PDB file of all heavy atoms in Angstrom:
ATOM      1  N   SER A   1       5.107   1.381   1.355  1.00  0.00           N
ATOM      2  CA  SER A   1       6.273   1.007   2.157  1.00  0.00           C
ATOM      3  C   SER A   1       6.462  -0.467   2.187  1.00  0.00           C
ATOM      4  O   SER A   1       7.553  -0.969   2.075  1.00  0.00           O
ATOM      5  CB  SER A   1       6.175   1.636   3.553  1.00  0.00           C
ATOM      6  OG  SER A   1       6.214   3.011   3.561  1.00  0.00           O
ATOM      7  N   GLY A   2       5.289  -1.219   2.396  1.00  0.00           N
ATOM      8  CA  GLY A   2       5.478  -2.661   2.441  1.00  0.00           C
ATOM      9  C   GLY A   2       5.954  -3.192   1.151  1.00  0.00           C
ATOM     10  O   GLY A   2       6.844  -4.140   1.140  1.00  0.00           O
ATOM     11  N   ARG A   3       5.444  -2.675   0.087  1.00  0.00           N
ATOM     12  CA  ARG A   3       5.937  -3.138  -1.252  1.00  0.00           C
ATOM     13  C   ARG A   3       7.474  -2.849  -1.456  1.00  0.00           C
ATOM     14  O   ARG A   3       8.153  -3.706  -1.891  1.00  0.00           O
ATOM     15  CB  ARG A   3       5.130  -2.453  -2.384  1.00  0.00           C
ATOM     16  CG  ARG A   3       5.524  -2.910  -3.730  1.00  0.00           C
ATOM     17  CD  ARG A   3       4.755  -2.135  -4.760  1.00  0.00           C
ATOM     18  NE  ARG A   3       5.137  -2.548  -6.094  1.00  0.00           N
ATOM     19  CZ  ARG A   3       4.703  -2.064  -7.208  1.00  0.00           C
ATOM     20  NH1 ARG A   3       3.933  -0.949  -7.156  1.00  0.00           N
ATOM     21  NH2 ARG A   3       5.036  -2.497  -8.374  1.00  0.00           N
ATOM     22  N   GLU A   4       7.858  -1.665  -1.091  1.00  0.00           N
ATOM     23  CA  GLU A   4       9.240  -1.300  -1.332  1.00  0.00           C
ATOM     24  C   GLU A   4      10.144  -2.128  -0.370  1.00  0.00           C
ATOM     25  O   GLU A   4      11.211  -2.602  -0.842  1.00  0.00           O
ATOM     26  CB  GLU A   4       9.446   0.210  -0.956  1.00  0.00           C
ATOM     27  CG  GLU A   4       8.874   1.135  -1.920  1.00  0.00           C
ATOM     28  CD  GLU A   4       8.914   2.607  -1.445  1.00  0.00           C
ATOM     29  OE1 GLU A   4       9.442   2.915  -0.324  1.00  0.00           O
ATOM     30  OE2 GLU A   4       8.358   3.481  -2.198  1.00  0.00           O
ATOM     31  N   LEU A   5       9.738  -2.335   0.869  1.00  0.00           N
ATOM     32  CA  LEU A   5      10.535  -3.200   1.744  1.00  0.00           C
ATOM     33  C   LEU A   5      10.618  -4.651   1.206  1.00  0.00           C
ATOM     34  O   LEU A   5      11.675  -5.205   1.291  1.00  0.00           O
ATOM     35  CB  LEU A   5       9.890  -3.089   3.171  1.00  0.00           C
ATOM     36  CG  LEU A   5      10.144  -1.819   3.925  1.00  0.00           C
ATOM     37  CD1 LEU A   5       9.194  -1.788   5.087  1.00  0.00           C
ATOM     38  CD2 LEU A   5      11.565  -1.668   4.345  1.00  0.00           C
ATOM     39  N   PHE A   6       9.500  -5.115   0.818  1.00  0.00           N
ATOM     40  CA  PHE A   6       9.411  -6.443   0.242  1.00  0.00           C
ATOM     41  C   PHE A   6      10.433  -6.633  -0.934  1.00  0.00           C
ATOM     42  O   PHE A   6      11.257  -7.526  -0.979  1.00  0.00           O
ATOM     43  CB  PHE A   6       8.050  -6.839  -0.200  1.00  0.00           C
ATOM     44  CG  PHE A   6       7.951  -8.060  -1.094  1.00  0.00           C
ATOM     45  CD1 PHE A   6       8.170  -9.269  -0.622  1.00  0.00           C
ATOM     46  CD2 PHE A   6       7.711  -7.913  -2.463  1.00  0.00           C
ATOM     47  CE1 PHE A   6       8.035 -10.401  -1.423  1.00  0.00           C
ATOM     48  CE2 PHE A   6       7.574  -9.012  -3.293  1.00  0.00           C
ATOM     49  CZ  PHE A   6       7.802 -10.227  -2.768  1.00  0.00           C
ATOM     50  N   GLU A   7      10.322  -5.652  -1.888  1.00  0.00           N
ATOM     51  CA  GLU A   7      11.106  -5.781  -3.070  1.00  0.00           C
ATOM     52  C   GLU A   7      12.591  -5.617  -2.733  1.00  0.00           C
ATOM     53  O   GLU A   7      13.466  -6.336  -3.398  1.00  0.00           O
ATOM     54  CB  GLU A   7      10.689  -4.675  -4.037  1.00  0.00           C
ATOM     55  CG  GLU A   7       9.322  -5.010  -4.674  1.00  0.00           C
ATOM     56  CD  GLU A   7       8.740  -3.960  -5.559  1.00  0.00           C
ATOM     57  OE1 GLU A   7       9.385  -2.840  -5.684  1.00  0.00           O
ATOM     58  OE2 GLU A   7       7.705  -4.209  -6.298  1.00  0.00           O
ATOM     59  N   LYS A   8      12.990  -4.736  -1.813  1.00  0.00           N
ATOM     60  CA  LYS A   8      14.381  -4.615  -1.490  1.00  0.00           C
ATOM     61  C   LYS A   8      14.928  -5.679  -0.646  1.00  0.00           C
ATOM     62  O   LYS A   8      16.139  -6.016  -0.860  1.00  0.00           O
ATOM     63  CB  LYS A   8      14.554  -3.245  -0.767  1.00  0.00           C
ATOM     64  CG  LYS A   8      14.411  -1.990  -1.647  1.00  0.00           C
ATOM     65  CD  LYS A   8      14.579  -0.750  -0.909  1.00  0.00           C
ATOM     66  CE  LYS A   8      14.295   0.441  -1.844  1.00  0.00           C
ATOM     67  NZ  LYS A   8      14.401   1.713  -1.129  1.00  0.00           N
ATOM     68  N   SER A   9      14.198  -6.159   0.275  1.00  0.00           N
ATOM     69  CA  SER A   9      14.709  -7.127   1.241  1.00  0.00           C
ATOM     70  C   SER A   9      14.708  -8.565   0.691  1.00  0.00           C
ATOM     71  O   SER A   9      15.566  -9.328   0.889  1.00  0.00           O
ATOM     72  CB  SER A   9      13.962  -7.075   2.567  1.00  0.00           C
ATOM     73  OG  SER A   9      14.052  -5.853   3.111  1.00  0.00           O
ATOM     74  N   CYS A  10      13.595  -8.962   0.105  1.00  0.00           N
ATOM     75  CA  CYS A  10      13.398 -10.379  -0.310  1.00  0.00           C
ATOM     76  C   CYS A  10      14.207 -10.762  -1.477  1.00  0.00           C
ATOM     77  O   CYS A  10      14.581 -11.937  -1.586  1.00  0.00           O
ATOM     78  CB  CYS A  10      11.921 -10.633  -0.483  1.00  0.00           C
ATOM     79  SG  CYS A  10      10.976 -10.269   1.006  1.00  0.00           S
ATOM     80  N   LYS A  11      14.457  -9.840  -2.393  1.00  0.00           N
ATOM     81  CA  LYS A  11      15.189 -10.147  -3.570  1.00  0.00           C
ATOM     82  C   LYS A  11      16.658 -10.495  -3.277  1.00  0.00           C
ATOM     83  O   LYS A  11      17.413 -10.883  -4.172  1.00  0.00           O
ATOM     84  CB  LYS A  11      15.051  -9.162  -4.693  1.00  0.00           C
ATOM     85  CG  LYS A  11      15.826  -7.827  -4.411  1.00  0.00           C
ATOM     86  CD  LYS A  11      15.566  -6.842  -5.524  1.00  0.00           C
ATOM     87  CE  LYS A  11      16.331  -5.554  -5.301  1.00  0.00           C
ATOM     88  NZ  LYS A  11      16.068  -4.612  -6.358  1.00  0.00           N
ATOM     89  N   LEU A  12      17.184 -10.148  -2.045  1.00  0.00           N
ATOM     90  CA  LEU A  12      18.524 -10.463  -1.700  1.00  0.00           C
ATOM     91  C   LEU A  12      18.854 -11.924  -1.787  1.00  0.00           C
ATOM     92  O   LEU A  12      19.982 -12.288  -2.079  1.00  0.00           O
ATOM     93  CB  LEU A  12      18.827  -9.923  -0.307  1.00  0.00           C
ATOM     94  CG  LEU A  12      18.753  -8.462  -0.095  1.00  0.00           C
ATOM     95  CD1 LEU A  12      18.933  -8.072   1.397  1.00  0.00           C
ATOM     96  CD2 LEU A  12      19.877  -7.745  -0.961  1.00  0.00           C
ATOM     97  N   CYS A  13      17.857 -12.707  -1.488  1.00  0.00           N
ATOM     98  CA  CYS A  13      18.078 -14.177  -1.481  1.00  0.00           C
ATOM     99  C   CYS A  13      17.348 -15.026  -2.573  1.00  0.00           C
ATOM    100  O   CYS A  13      17.831 -16.139  -2.814  1.00  0.00           O
ATOM    101  CB  CYS A  13      17.654 -14.759  -0.036  1.00  0.00           C
ATOM    102  SG  CYS A  13      18.555 -14.060   1.295  1.00  0.00           S
ATOM    103  N   HIS A  14      16.259 -14.557  -3.068  1.00  0.00           N
ATOM    104  CA  HIS A  14      15.530 -15.332  -4.054  1.00  0.00           C
ATOM    105  C   HIS A  14      14.667 -14.366  -4.892  1.00  0.00           C
ATOM    106  O   HIS A  14      14.487 -13.162  -4.526  1.00  0.00           O
ATOM    107  CB  HIS A  14      14.626 -16.333  -3.370  1.00  0.00           C
ATOM    108  CG  HIS A  14      13.624 -15.783  -2.339  1.00  0.00           C
ATOM    109  ND1 HIS A  14      12.556 -15.090  -2.648  1.00  0.00           N
ATOM    110  CD2 HIS A  14      13.743 -15.827  -0.982  1.00  0.00           C
ATOM    111  CE1 HIS A  14      11.947 -14.718  -1.534  1.00  0.00           C
ATOM    112  NE2 HIS A  14      12.678 -15.141  -0.547  1.00  0.00           N
ATOM    113  N   GLY A  15      14.163 -14.859  -6.021  1.00  0.00           N
ATOM    114  CA  GLY A  15      13.286 -14.029  -6.880  1.00  0.00           C
ATOM    115  C   GLY A  15      12.001 -13.690  -6.186  1.00  0.00           C
ATOM    116  O   GLY A  15      11.482 -14.407  -5.452  1.00  0.00           O
ATOM    117  N   LEU A  16      11.550 -12.513  -6.517  1.00  0.00           N
ATOM    118  CA  LEU A  16      10.201 -12.030  -5.907  1.00  0.00           C
ATOM    119  C   LEU A  16       9.068 -12.901  -6.386  1.00  0.00           C
ATOM    120  O   LEU A  16       8.186 -13.084  -5.595  1.00  0.00           O
ATOM    121  CB  LEU A  16      10.005 -10.637  -6.228  1.00  0.00           C
ATOM    122  CG  LEU A  16      11.070  -9.593  -5.738  1.00  0.00           C
ATOM    123  CD1 LEU A  16      10.744  -8.233  -6.159  1.00  0.00           C
ATOM    124  CD2 LEU A  16      11.272  -9.683  -4.258  1.00  0.00           C
ATOM    125  N   ASP A  17       9.140 -13.494  -7.542  1.00  0.00           N
ATOM    126  CA  ASP A  17       8.091 -14.327  -7.991  1.00  0.00           C
ATOM    127  C   ASP A  17       7.815 -15.540  -7.072  1.00  0.00           C
ATOM    128  O   ASP A  17       6.719 -16.006  -7.053  1.00  0.00           O
ATOM    129  CB  ASP A  17       8.265 -14.700  -9.471  1.00  0.00           C
ATOM    130  CG  ASP A  17       9.517 -15.423  -9.699  1.00  0.00           C
ATOM    131  OD1 ASP A  17      10.523 -15.187  -8.956  1.00  0.00           O
ATOM    132  OD2 ASP A  17       9.608 -16.227 -10.686  1.00  0.00           O
ATOM    133  N   ARG A  18       8.827 -15.955  -6.523  1.00  0.00           N
ATOM    134  CA  ARG A  18       8.807 -17.098  -5.580  1.00  0.00           C
ATOM    135  C   ARG A  18       7.824 -16.752  -4.443  1.00  0.00           C
ATOM    136  O   ARG A  18       6.983 -17.621  -4.086  1.00  0.00           O
ATOM    137  CB  ARG A  18      10.163 -17.467  -5.075  1.00  0.00           C
ATOM    138  CG  ARG A  18      10.164 -18.612  -4.110  1.00  0.00           C
ATOM    139  CD  ARG A  18      11.586 -18.964  -3.651  1.00  0.00           C
ATOM    140  NE  ARG A  18      11.554 -20.076  -2.676  1.00  0.00           N
ATOM    141  CZ  ARG A  18      12.684 -20.477  -2.095  1.00  0.00           C
ATOM    142  NH1 ARG A  18      13.855 -19.952  -2.405  1.00  0.00           N
ATOM    143  NH2 ARG A  18      12.582 -21.376  -1.217  1.00  0.00           N
ATOM    144  N   SER A  19       7.890 -15.590  -3.870  1.00  0.00           N
ATOM    145  CA  SER A  19       7.037 -15.257  -2.769  1.00  0.00           C
ATOM    146  C   SER A  19       5.641 -14.925  -3.278  1.00  0.00           C
ATOM    147  O   SER A  19       4.700 -15.145  -2.539  1.00  0.00           O
ATOM    148  CB  SER A  19       7.604 -13.979  -2.106  1.00  0.00           C
ATOM    149  OG  SER A  19       8.867 -14.276  -1.542  1.00  0.00           O
ATOM    150  N   LEU A  20       5.495 -14.422  -4.427  1.00  0.00           N
ATOM    151  CA  LEU A  20       4.215 -14.014  -5.001  1.00  0.00           C
ATOM    152  C   LEU A  20       3.454 -15.187  -5.619  1.00  0.00           C
ATOM    153  O   LEU A  20       2.309 -14.967  -6.025  1.00  0.00           O
ATOM    154  CB  LEU A  20       4.393 -12.908  -5.935  1.00  0.00           C
ATOM    155  CG  LEU A  20       4.982 -11.602  -5.403  1.00  0.00           C
ATOM    156  CD1 LEU A  20       5.212 -10.588  -6.426  1.00  0.00           C
ATOM    157  CD2 LEU A  20       4.231 -11.059  -4.188  1.00  0.00           C
ATOM    158  N   ALA A  21       4.057 -16.370  -5.642  1.00  0.00           N
ATOM    159  CA  ALA A  21       3.428 -17.453  -6.415  1.00  0.00           C
ATOM    160  C   ALA A  21       2.372 -18.217  -5.552  1.00  0.00           C
ATOM    161  O   ALA A  21       1.532 -18.946  -5.974  1.00  0.00           O
ATOM    162  CB  ALA A  21       4.478 -18.498  -6.747  1.00  0.00           C
ATOM    163  N   THR A  22       2.272 -17.815  -4.124  1.00  0.00           N
ATOM    164  CA  THR A  22       1.314 -18.494  -3.314  1.00  0.00           C
ATOM    165  C   THR A  22       0.428 -17.465  -2.570  1.00  0.00           C
ATOM    166  O   THR A  22       0.938 -16.357  -2.363  1.00  0.00           O
ATOM    167  CB  THR A  22       2.035 -19.392  -2.273  1.00  0.00           C
ATOM    168  OG1 THR A  22       2.884 -18.568  -1.454  1.00  0.00           O
ATOM    169  CG2 THR A  22       2.764 -20.494  -2.949  1.00  0.00           C
ATOM    170  N   ASN A  23      -0.735 -17.800  -2.241  1.00  0.00           N
ATOM    171  CA  ASN A  23      -1.633 -16.938  -1.584  1.00  0.00           C
ATOM    172  C   ASN A  23      -1.756 -17.466  -0.172  1.00  0.00           C
ATOM    173  O   ASN A  23      -2.079 -18.566   0.074  1.00  0.00           O
ATOM    174  CB  ASN A  23      -3.038 -16.835  -2.270  1.00  0.00           C
ATOM    175  CG  ASN A  23      -2.944 -16.241  -3.600  1.00  0.00           C
ATOM    176  OD1 ASN A  23      -2.128 -15.406  -3.852  1.00  0.00           O
ATOM    177  ND2 ASN A  23      -3.737 -16.695  -4.490  1.00  0.00           N
ATOM    178  N   ARG A  24      -1.540 -16.586   0.829  1.00  0.00           N
ATOM    179  CA  ARG A  24      -1.594 -16.918   2.192  1.00  0.00           C
ATOM    180  C   ARG A  24      -2.316 -15.767   2.959  1.00  0.00           C
ATOM    181  O   ARG A  24      -2.354 -14.697   2.548  1.00  0.00           O
ATOM    182  CB  ARG A  24      -0.205 -17.117   2.825  1.00  0.00           C
ATOM    183  CG  ARG A  24       0.605 -18.138   2.089  1.00  0.00           C
ATOM    184  CD  ARG A  24       2.006 -18.225   2.692  1.00  0.00           C
ATOM    185  NE  ARG A  24       2.933 -18.944   1.838  1.00  0.00           N
ATOM    186  CZ  ARG A  24       3.010 -20.206   1.724  1.00  0.00           C
ATOM    187  NH1 ARG A  24       2.208 -21.012   2.330  1.00  0.00           N
ATOM    188  NH2 ARG A  24       3.979 -20.689   0.930  1.00  0.00           N
ATOM    189  N   ASP A  25      -2.855 -16.090   4.166  1.00  0.00           N
ATOM    190  CA  ASP A  25      -3.430 -14.998   4.961  1.00  0.00           C
ATOM    191  C   ASP A  25      -2.277 -14.352   5.763  1.00  0.00           C
ATOM    192  O   ASP A  25      -1.146 -14.701   5.749  1.00  0.00           O
ATOM    193  CB  ASP A  25      -4.539 -15.575   5.891  1.00  0.00           C
ATOM    194  CG  ASP A  25      -4.042 -16.514   6.942  1.00  0.00           C
ATOM    195  OD1 ASP A  25      -2.803 -16.685   7.057  1.00  0.00           O
ATOM    196  OD2 ASP A  25      -4.852 -17.131   7.553  1.00  0.00           O
ATOM    197  N   ALA A  26      -2.700 -13.296   6.470  1.00  0.00           N
ATOM    198  CA  ALA A  26      -1.650 -12.448   7.165  1.00  0.00           C
ATOM    199  C   ALA A  26      -0.898 -13.291   8.246  1.00  0.00           C
ATOM    200  O   ALA A  26       0.264 -13.119   8.399  1.00  0.00           O
ATOM    201  CB  ALA A  26      -2.354 -11.223   7.801  1.00  0.00           C
ATOM    202  N   ALA A  27      -1.614 -14.200   8.929  1.00  0.00           N
ATOM    203  CA  ALA A  27      -0.932 -14.990   9.915  1.00  0.00           C
ATOM    204  C   ALA A  27       0.116 -15.896   9.325  1.00  0.00           C
ATOM    205  O   ALA A  27       1.241 -16.054   9.852  1.00  0.00           O
ATOM    206  CB  ALA A  27      -1.977 -15.815  10.726  1.00  0.00           C
ATOM    207  N   ALA A  28      -0.164 -16.485   8.181  1.00  0.00           N
ATOM    208  CA  ALA A  28       0.806 -17.325   7.569  1.00  0.00           C
ATOM    209  C   ALA A  28       1.999 -16.533   6.999  1.00  0.00           C
ATOM    210  O   ALA A  28       3.110 -16.957   7.152  1.00  0.00           O
ATOM    211  CB  ALA A  28       0.124 -18.193   6.348  1.00  0.00           C
ATOM    212  N   TRP A  29       1.693 -15.324   6.472  1.00  0.00           N
ATOM    213  CA  TRP A  29       2.756 -14.442   5.938  1.00  0.00           C
ATOM    214  C   TRP A  29       3.693 -14.046   7.150  1.00  0.00           C
ATOM    215  O   TRP A  29       4.883 -13.901   6.974  1.00  0.00           O
ATOM    216  CB  TRP A  29       2.231 -13.272   5.206  1.00  0.00           C
ATOM    217  CG  TRP A  29       1.862 -13.576   3.758  1.00  0.00           C
ATOM    218  CD1 TRP A  29       0.623 -13.481   3.147  1.00  0.00           C
ATOM    219  CD2 TRP A  29       2.723 -14.057   2.764  1.00  0.00           C
ATOM    220  NE1 TRP A  29       0.710 -13.903   1.892  1.00  0.00           N
ATOM    221  CE2 TRP A  29       1.978 -14.286   1.586  1.00  0.00           C
ATOM    222  CE3 TRP A  29       4.093 -14.460   2.694  1.00  0.00           C
ATOM    223  CZ2 TRP A  29       2.477 -14.718   0.374  1.00  0.00           C
ATOM    224  CZ3 TRP A  29       4.601 -14.884   1.435  1.00  0.00           C
ATOM    225  CH2 TRP A  29       3.820 -15.029   0.344  1.00  0.00           C
ATOM    226  N   ALA A  30       3.091 -13.794   8.267  1.00  0.00           N
ATOM    227  CA  ALA A  30       3.876 -13.324   9.421  1.00  0.00           C
ATOM    228  C   ALA A  30       4.841 -14.366   9.839  1.00  0.00           C
ATOM    229  O   ALA A  30       6.039 -14.120  10.210  1.00  0.00           O
ATOM    230  CB  ALA A  30       2.923 -12.965  10.585  1.00  0.00           C
ATOM    231  N   VAL A  31       4.434 -15.628   9.835  1.00  0.00           N
ATOM    232  CA  VAL A  31       5.398 -16.811  10.123  1.00  0.00           C
ATOM    233  C   VAL A  31       6.464 -16.787   9.136  1.00  0.00           C
ATOM    234  O   VAL A  31       7.665 -16.999   9.506  1.00  0.00           O
ATOM    235  CB  VAL A  31       4.559 -18.084  10.221  1.00  0.00           C
ATOM    236  CG1 VAL A  31       5.501 -19.267  10.301  1.00  0.00           C
ATOM    237  CG2 VAL A  31       3.549 -18.090  11.362  1.00  0.00           C
ATOM    238  N   ILE A  32       6.146 -16.636   7.799  1.00  0.00           N
ATOM    239  CA  ILE A  32       7.211 -16.755   6.766  1.00  0.00           C
ATOM    240  C   ILE A  32       8.175 -15.652   6.846  1.00  0.00           C
ATOM    241  O   ILE A  32       9.337 -15.857   6.772  1.00  0.00           O
ATOM    242  CB  ILE A  32       6.481 -16.873   5.439  1.00  0.00           C
ATOM    243  CG1 ILE A  32       5.788 -18.126   5.267  1.00  0.00           C
ATOM    244  CG2 ILE A  32       7.546 -16.583   4.271  1.00  0.00           C
ATOM    245  CD1 ILE A  32       4.837 -18.268   4.120  1.00  0.00           C
ATOM    246  N   VAL A  33       7.641 -14.427   7.049  1.00  0.00           N
ATOM    247  CA  VAL A  33       8.521 -13.233   7.153  1.00  0.00           C
ATOM    248  C   VAL A  33       9.445 -13.384   8.365  1.00  0.00           C
ATOM    249  O   VAL A  33      10.611 -13.082   8.347  1.00  0.00           O
ATOM    250  CB  VAL A  33       7.712 -11.930   7.266  1.00  0.00           C
ATOM    251  CG1 VAL A  33       8.507 -10.703   7.656  1.00  0.00           C
ATOM    252  CG2 VAL A  33       7.089 -11.664   5.907  1.00  0.00           C
ATOM    253  N   LYS A  34       8.885 -13.892   9.473  1.00  0.00           N
ATOM    254  CA  LYS A  34       9.732 -14.058  10.685  1.00  0.00           C
ATOM    255  C   LYS A  34      10.867 -15.098  10.370  1.00  0.00           C
ATOM    256  O   LYS A  34      11.984 -14.909  10.777  1.00  0.00           O
ATOM    257  CB  LYS A  34       8.848 -14.559  11.822  1.00  0.00           C
ATOM    258  CG  LYS A  34       9.589 -14.656  13.147  1.00  0.00           C
ATOM    259  CD  LYS A  34       8.673 -15.094  14.259  1.00  0.00           C
ATOM    260  CE  LYS A  34       9.433 -15.264  15.573  1.00  0.00           C
ATOM    261  NZ  LYS A  34       8.504 -15.717  16.700  1.00  0.00           N
TER     262      LYS A  34
END
């Protein structure tokens, strides 16, 4: 579900490779997703 939601929601504004180019922990990802 997380993968599907990521792929459907994030590609609306930018390429998915942009998000996947960096490694972050869950706390950092939560800030970015918010």
